[in-house]
Amino acid sequence: MAHASSIGRCIDLFTDFGFKRIFDTERNKDLLTDFLNNLLANELPSVKALNYRDKEKSGKHYSSDCPKSD
C-alpha cells in the first residue's frame, strides 16, 4: 500500500479553484487554448490568442429580464 507521502497531489478541475489553478496563468496559456479549441471545435472558429486580466470582476450583474434592486 502506498504511503500518503508517495501519492502525488491532485487538482479537481471540476472546482473553481482547480480550474483556475491550472488554466488561469500565462504559463499555461497553451493548455487553455487547446482546451477551448477542443471544447468548441464544432461551434466557433479556433481560438488564436488569449488575454489575461489581473483580477476577476465581481459585484452585481443585471440582465434585461431581471428587475434591478437598490
N, C-alpha and C. Protein backbone atom coordinates (compact mmCIF):
# COMPACT_ATOMS: atom_id res chain seq x y z
N MET A 1 0.84 -1.18 0.00
CA MET A 1 0.00 0.00 0.00
C MET A 1 0.89 1.24 0.00
N ALA A 2 0.53 2.24 -0.77
CA ALA A 2 1.32 3.46 -0.88
C ALA A 2 1.10 4.34 0.33
N HIS A 3 2.14 4.99 0.74
CA HIS A 3 2.04 5.94 1.85
C HIS A 3 1.58 7.28 1.29
N ALA A 4 0.94 8.07 2.12
CA ALA A 4 0.42 9.37 1.70
C ALA A 4 1.51 10.24 1.10
N SER A 5 2.72 10.14 1.62
CA SER A 5 3.80 10.99 1.11
C SER A 5 4.24 10.60 -0.29
N SER A 6 3.95 9.38 -0.73
CA SER A 6 4.36 8.96 -2.06
C SER A 6 3.27 9.17 -3.10
N ILE A 7 2.08 9.57 -2.66
CA ILE A 7 0.99 9.84 -3.58
C ILE A 7 1.07 11.30 -4.02
N GLY A 8 0.99 11.54 -5.33
CA GLY A 8 1.06 12.90 -5.85
C GLY A 8 -0.16 13.71 -5.48
N ARG A 9 -0.02 15.00 -5.56
CA ARG A 9 -1.15 15.89 -5.29
C ARG A 9 -2.01 15.98 -6.53
N CYS A 10 -3.30 15.98 -6.33
CA CYS A 10 -4.25 16.05 -7.44
C CYS A 10 -5.07 17.33 -7.33
N ILE A 11 -5.45 17.86 -8.47
CA ILE A 11 -6.30 19.05 -8.51
C ILE A 11 -7.58 18.67 -9.24
N ASP A 12 -8.72 18.93 -8.62
CA ASP A 12 -10.01 18.63 -9.21
C ASP A 12 -10.40 19.77 -10.15
N LEU A 13 -10.39 19.50 -11.45
CA LEU A 13 -10.71 20.54 -12.43
C LEU A 13 -12.19 20.90 -12.47
N PHE A 14 -13.01 20.14 -11.75
CA PHE A 14 -14.44 20.45 -11.69
C PHE A 14 -14.76 21.46 -10.59
N THR A 15 -13.76 21.95 -9.89
CA THR A 15 -13.97 23.00 -8.90
C THR A 15 -13.44 24.32 -9.46
N ASP A 16 -13.95 25.41 -8.95
CA ASP A 16 -13.50 26.73 -9.37
C ASP A 16 -12.01 26.88 -9.09
N PHE A 17 -11.58 26.47 -7.90
CA PHE A 17 -10.17 26.57 -7.53
C PHE A 17 -9.30 25.76 -8.49
N GLY A 18 -9.67 24.53 -8.74
CA GLY A 18 -8.86 23.65 -9.58
C GLY A 18 -8.76 24.16 -11.01
N PHE A 19 -9.89 24.58 -11.57
CA PHE A 19 -9.89 25.08 -12.94
C PHE A 19 -8.99 26.31 -13.07
N LYS A 20 -9.14 27.24 -12.13
CA LYS A 20 -8.33 28.45 -12.18
C LYS A 20 -6.86 28.17 -11.91
N ARG A 21 -6.59 27.23 -11.03
CA ARG A 21 -5.19 26.88 -10.70
C ARG A 21 -4.44 26.40 -11.94
N ILE A 22 -5.13 25.66 -12.79
CA ILE A 22 -4.49 25.13 -13.99
C ILE A 22 -4.54 26.11 -15.16
N PHE A 23 -5.70 26.68 -15.43
CA PHE A 23 -5.88 27.45 -16.65
C PHE A 23 -5.73 28.96 -16.52
N ASP A 24 -5.67 29.50 -15.31
CA ASP A 24 -5.66 30.95 -15.14
C ASP A 24 -4.26 31.51 -14.93
N THR A 25 -3.31 31.02 -15.68
CA THR A 25 -1.95 31.56 -15.61
C THR A 25 -1.38 31.69 -17.02
N GLU A 26 -0.61 32.70 -17.24
CA GLU A 26 0.05 32.89 -18.52
C GLU A 26 0.90 31.67 -18.88
N ARG A 27 1.49 31.06 -17.87
CA ARG A 27 2.37 29.91 -18.09
C ARG A 27 1.62 28.76 -18.76
N ASN A 28 0.32 28.62 -18.48
CA ASN A 28 -0.48 27.53 -19.02
C ASN A 28 -1.43 27.99 -20.11
N LYS A 29 -1.12 29.10 -20.75
CA LYS A 29 -1.98 29.65 -21.79
C LYS A 29 -2.23 28.64 -22.91
N ASP A 30 -1.21 27.86 -23.25
CA ASP A 30 -1.36 26.88 -24.32
C ASP A 30 -2.34 25.77 -23.94
N LEU A 31 -2.38 25.41 -22.65
CA LEU A 31 -3.35 24.41 -22.19
C LEU A 31 -4.78 24.91 -22.33
N LEU A 32 -5.01 26.16 -21.94
CA LEU A 32 -6.36 26.73 -22.04
C LEU A 32 -6.77 26.88 -23.51
N THR A 33 -5.86 27.30 -24.35
CA THR A 33 -6.15 27.44 -25.78
C THR A 33 -6.55 26.09 -26.36
N ASP A 34 -5.78 25.05 -26.08
CA ASP A 34 -6.11 23.71 -26.57
C ASP A 34 -7.44 23.22 -26.01
N PHE A 35 -7.68 23.45 -24.72
CA PHE A 35 -8.93 23.04 -24.09
C PHE A 35 -10.12 23.70 -24.77
N LEU A 36 -10.05 25.02 -24.96
CA LEU A 36 -11.16 25.74 -25.58
C LEU A 36 -11.38 25.31 -27.03
N ASN A 37 -10.30 25.12 -27.77
CA ASN A 37 -10.43 24.70 -29.16
C ASN A 37 -11.05 23.30 -29.27
N ASN A 38 -10.72 22.41 -28.36
CA ASN A 38 -11.33 21.08 -28.37
C ASN A 38 -12.78 21.13 -27.92
N LEU A 39 -13.06 21.93 -26.92
CA LEU A 39 -14.42 22.05 -26.39
C LEU A 39 -15.36 22.67 -27.42
N LEU A 40 -14.89 23.67 -28.15
CA LEU A 40 -15.72 24.43 -29.07
C LEU A 40 -15.46 24.11 -30.54
N ALA A 41 -14.87 22.96 -30.80
CA ALA A 41 -14.41 22.61 -32.15
C ALA A 41 -15.48 22.78 -33.23
N ASN A 42 -16.69 22.39 -32.97
CA ASN A 42 -17.74 22.46 -33.99
C ASN A 42 -18.63 23.67 -33.86
N GLU A 43 -18.35 24.54 -32.89
CA GLU A 43 -19.23 25.66 -32.60
C GLU A 43 -18.70 27.01 -33.09
N LEU A 44 -17.42 27.24 -32.90
CA LEU A 44 -16.82 28.55 -33.19
C LEU A 44 -15.49 28.38 -33.91
N PRO A 45 -15.01 29.45 -34.54
CA PRO A 45 -13.65 29.39 -35.09
C PRO A 45 -12.63 29.15 -33.98
N SER A 46 -11.48 28.64 -34.32
CA SER A 46 -10.50 28.31 -33.29
C SER A 46 -9.96 29.54 -32.58
N VAL A 47 -9.60 29.35 -31.33
CA VAL A 47 -9.02 30.41 -30.50
C VAL A 47 -7.56 30.58 -30.93
N LYS A 48 -7.19 31.79 -31.24
CA LYS A 48 -5.83 32.08 -31.67
C LYS A 48 -5.00 32.74 -30.57
N ALA A 49 -5.66 33.58 -29.77
CA ALA A 49 -4.95 34.33 -28.73
C ALA A 49 -5.85 34.50 -27.51
N LEU A 50 -5.22 34.58 -26.36
CA LEU A 50 -5.92 34.81 -25.10
C LEU A 50 -5.31 36.01 -24.40
N ASN A 51 -6.15 36.78 -23.73
CA ASN A 51 -5.69 37.89 -22.91
C ASN A 51 -6.12 37.64 -21.48
N TYR A 52 -5.18 37.69 -20.57
CA TYR A 52 -5.49 37.50 -19.16
C TYR A 52 -5.60 38.87 -18.50
N ARG A 53 -6.54 38.99 -17.59
CA ARG A 53 -6.69 40.21 -16.80
C ARG A 53 -6.18 39.93 -15.41
N ASP A 54 -5.80 41.00 -14.71
CA ASP A 54 -5.21 40.84 -13.38
C ASP A 54 -6.20 40.32 -12.35
N LYS A 55 -7.41 40.74 -12.39
CA LYS A 55 -8.39 40.40 -11.35
C LYS A 55 -9.70 39.96 -11.96
N GLU A 56 -10.45 39.20 -11.18
CA GLU A 56 -11.81 38.86 -11.56
C GLU A 56 -12.71 40.05 -11.30
N LYS A 57 -13.74 40.17 -12.07
CA LYS A 57 -14.74 41.20 -11.80
C LYS A 57 -15.79 40.57 -10.91
N SER A 58 -16.15 41.27 -9.88
CA SER A 58 -17.20 40.78 -9.01
C SER A 58 -18.18 41.91 -8.76
N GLY A 59 -19.30 41.57 -8.23
CA GLY A 59 -20.31 42.58 -7.97
C GLY A 59 -21.62 42.20 -8.59
N LYS A 60 -22.52 43.15 -8.62
CA LYS A 60 -23.85 42.89 -9.16
C LYS A 60 -23.82 42.95 -10.68
N HIS A 61 -24.48 41.97 -11.28
CA HIS A 61 -24.63 41.93 -12.73
C HIS A 61 -26.11 41.80 -13.02
N TYR A 62 -26.60 42.59 -13.92
CA TYR A 62 -28.02 42.59 -14.23
C TYR A 62 -28.23 42.24 -15.69
N SER A 63 -29.30 41.53 -15.95
CA SER A 63 -29.71 41.31 -17.33
C SER A 63 -31.03 42.04 -17.54
N SER A 64 -31.43 42.20 -18.77
CA SER A 64 -32.62 42.99 -19.08
C SER A 64 -33.90 42.35 -18.56
N ASP A 65 -33.92 41.03 -18.33
CA ASP A 65 -35.15 40.39 -17.88
C ASP A 65 -35.22 40.25 -16.35
N CYS A 66 -34.24 40.77 -15.63
CA CYS A 66 -34.26 40.71 -14.16
C CYS A 66 -34.46 42.12 -13.62
N PRO A 67 -35.37 42.28 -12.69
CA PRO A 67 -35.57 43.62 -12.11
C PRO A 67 -34.35 44.04 -11.27
N LYS A 68 -34.00 45.30 -11.38
CA LYS A 68 -32.89 45.83 -10.58
C LYS A 68 -33.36 46.13 -9.17
N SER A 69 -32.52 45.82 -8.20
CA SER A 69 -32.86 46.17 -6.82
C SER A 69 -31.86 47.17 -6.31
N ASP A 70 -32.30 48.02 -5.42
CA ASP A 70 -31.40 49.05 -4.85
C ASP A 70 -30.83 48.60 -3.56
